[in-house]
Protein backbone atom coordinates (compact mmCIF):
# COMPACT_ATOMS: atom_id res chain seq x y z
CA MET A 1 37.83 -105.10 -112.20
CA LYS A 2 37.02 -107.66 -114.80
CA GLY A 3 36.46 -111.23 -113.68
CA PHE A 4 38.94 -114.03 -114.04
CA THR A 5 39.21 -115.40 -117.55
CA ASN A 6 40.65 -118.46 -119.22
CA ASN A 7 42.99 -116.41 -121.43
CA MET A 8 45.27 -115.85 -118.44
CA VAL A 9 46.26 -119.52 -118.14
CA GLY A 10 50.02 -119.75 -118.05
CA LEU A 11 50.72 -116.00 -117.90
CA THR A 12 51.17 -115.87 -114.15
CA ASP A 13 53.47 -118.88 -114.22
CA VAL A 14 55.66 -117.20 -116.85
CA LEU A 15 55.79 -113.94 -114.90
CA GLU A 16 56.50 -115.71 -111.64
CA HIS A 17 59.60 -117.36 -113.01
CA GLU A 18 60.95 -114.97 -115.58
CA GLY A 19 58.70 -112.03 -116.29
CA LEU A 20 59.11 -112.87 -119.99
CA PRO A 21 57.29 -114.90 -122.64
CA ALA A 22 57.69 -118.67 -122.39
CA GLY A 23 60.93 -120.04 -123.75
CA GLN A 24 63.09 -117.03 -122.90
CA VAL A 25 65.43 -117.23 -119.94
CA GLN A 26 65.97 -114.42 -117.47
CA GLU A 27 68.85 -114.57 -115.03
CA LYS A 28 67.08 -112.63 -112.28
CA PRO A 29 63.47 -113.58 -111.45
CA LEU A 30 61.06 -111.01 -110.03
CA LEU A 31 61.38 -110.36 -106.32
CA PHE A 32 58.18 -110.75 -104.33
CA VAL A 33 58.39 -109.28 -100.83
CA ASN A 34 55.97 -111.88 -99.48
CA ASP A 35 53.17 -114.20 -100.58
CA LYS A 36 50.58 -111.41 -100.39
CA HIS A 37 52.62 -109.32 -102.84
CA LYS A 38 52.83 -112.22 -105.27
CA GLU A 39 49.16 -113.21 -104.90
CA TYR A 40 47.87 -109.67 -105.33
CA PHE A 41 50.09 -109.07 -108.36
CA HIS A 42 48.70 -112.17 -110.05
CA ARG A 43 45.17 -111.24 -109.01
CA LEU A 44 45.47 -107.80 -110.60
CA ILE A 45 46.74 -109.36 -113.82
CA ALA A 46 43.91 -111.86 -113.94
CA GLU A 47 41.09 -109.52 -112.94
CA THR A 48 42.08 -106.85 -115.44
CA GLU A 49 42.81 -109.38 -118.19
CA THR A 50 46.28 -107.92 -118.63
CA SER A 51 48.35 -109.56 -121.35
CA ALA A 52 52.06 -110.32 -121.12
CA ASP A 53 52.67 -107.58 -123.71
CA ALA A 54 51.22 -104.81 -121.50
CA ARG A 55 54.55 -104.27 -119.80
CA GLU A 56 53.69 -100.78 -118.47
CA ARG A 57 50.65 -102.23 -116.71
CA LEU A 58 52.62 -105.20 -115.37
CA ALA A 59 55.24 -102.87 -113.89
CA LEU A 60 52.50 -100.75 -112.31
CA PHE A 61 50.78 -103.79 -110.81
CA TYR A 62 54.08 -105.23 -109.57
CA LEU A 63 54.83 -102.09 -107.55
CA LEU A 64 51.25 -101.45 -106.42
CA ALA A 65 50.96 -105.03 -105.17
CA SER A 66 54.13 -104.59 -103.11
CA LEU A 67 52.52 -101.84 -100.99
CA LYS A 68 50.37 -103.02 -98.10
CA LYS A 69 48.34 -99.78 -98.06
CA VAL A 70 47.43 -100.27 -101.71
CA ARG A 71 46.40 -103.88 -101.12
CA LYS A 72 44.13 -102.73 -98.27
CA ASN A 73 42.37 -100.00 -100.28
CA PRO A 74 43.39 -100.08 -103.96
CA ALA A 75 40.73 -97.61 -105.13
CA ARG A 76 42.47 -94.82 -103.21
CA PHE A 77 45.46 -95.20 -105.49
CA PHE A 78 44.16 -96.44 -108.84
CA ASP A 79 40.84 -96.64 -110.68
CA PHE A 80 40.90 -100.18 -112.05
CA GLN A 81 37.68 -99.74 -114.01
CA GLU A 82 39.04 -96.89 -116.10
CA MET A 83 42.73 -97.83 -115.64
CA LYS A 84 43.58 -94.35 -114.36
CA ILE A 85 45.89 -93.12 -111.64
CA ASN A 86 44.22 -91.47 -108.66
CA ARG A 87 46.24 -88.28 -108.31
CA LEU A 88 44.89 -87.79 -104.79
CA ALA A 89 46.88 -90.84 -103.68
CA PHE A 90 49.52 -88.61 -102.16
CA LYS A 91 47.05 -87.16 -99.68
CA GLU A 92 47.43 -90.52 -97.96
CA LEU A 93 49.94 -90.94 -95.17
CA LEU A 94 52.78 -92.70 -96.93
CA SER A 95 56.35 -93.31 -95.90
CA PRO A 96 59.08 -91.83 -98.13
CA MET A 97 59.70 -95.34 -99.52
CA GLU A 98 56.01 -95.90 -100.29
CA GLN A 99 55.86 -92.50 -101.99
CA ALA A 100 58.94 -93.25 -104.09
CA LEU A 101 57.61 -96.66 -105.20
CA LEU A 102 54.19 -95.20 -105.98
CA GLN A 103 55.76 -92.37 -107.99
CA LEU A 104 57.85 -94.87 -109.93
CA ALA A 105 54.81 -97.10 -110.53
CA PHE A 106 52.80 -94.20 -111.93
CA HIS A 107 55.74 -93.00 -114.04
CA LEU A 108 56.38 -96.44 -115.55
CA TYR A 109 52.67 -96.78 -116.32
CA SER A 110 51.89 -93.33 -117.72
CA GLU A 111 55.34 -92.38 -119.03
CA LYS A 112 54.69 -88.89 -117.61
CA ASP A 113 56.89 -87.14 -115.09
CA VAL A 114 53.93 -86.02 -113.00
CA PHE A 115 55.83 -85.99 -109.72
CA ARG A 116 59.16 -84.70 -111.02
CA ILE A 117 61.16 -87.23 -109.05
CA SER A 118 64.79 -87.70 -110.01
CA VAL A 119 66.54 -91.05 -110.06
CA ARG A 120 68.68 -89.83 -107.16
CA ASP A 121 65.64 -88.83 -105.10
CA LEU A 122 63.94 -92.11 -105.91
CA PHE A 123 66.76 -94.33 -104.74
CA THR A 124 67.64 -92.11 -101.76
CA ASN A 125 64.20 -92.92 -100.32
CA LEU A 126 64.44 -96.68 -100.84
CA ASP A 127 65.93 -99.31 -98.59
CA GLN A 128 67.55 -102.39 -100.13
CA THR A 129 64.24 -104.19 -100.65
CA GLY A 130 62.65 -101.08 -102.14
CA ALA A 131 65.59 -100.63 -104.49
CA LEU A 132 65.28 -104.26 -105.64
CA LEU A 133 61.54 -103.74 -106.21
CA ALA A 134 62.22 -100.57 -108.22
CA LEU A 135 64.84 -102.32 -110.33
CA GLY A 136 62.52 -105.30 -110.83
CA ALA A 137 59.75 -103.00 -112.06
CA ILE A 138 62.13 -101.23 -114.42
CA ARG A 139 63.38 -104.57 -115.76
CA LEU A 140 59.82 -105.75 -116.22
CA ARG A 141 58.68 -102.54 -117.92
CA PHE A 142 61.57 -102.40 -120.39
CA ASN A 143 62.02 -106.16 -120.87
CA ILE A 144 65.56 -106.20 -119.50
CA THR A 145 66.55 -109.84 -119.20
CA GLY A 146 70.03 -109.76 -117.63
């Protein structure tokens, strides 16, 4: 990952509150499951020098950061140097909810239906928190403000 840079000043504050550029109001702020989710999300943004316009990457990072197994060993799931998905990620022992969130993260990032998961299958495998995370990532990716 790239080191922290000064060009990220203010970006994490904007994302924390709205997920949108400064000056725009969003009714529903991003849900962070816990402080580690929030911290890791902001760390990924800073270390990869991700801009606020890279919405597909922000959605990916938002969902990856929500998963404890990813935070423990991120390289098993994503190559941050080359910004590529590790397709062997599903050889890991993941719960159905973790699998669904990971599939959604990869789909929002790559715009490819690699895993052929339907919307019904996705949400069937999510609890309420997982569903809110999925919806938050979709809102972030497609700049849905309401």
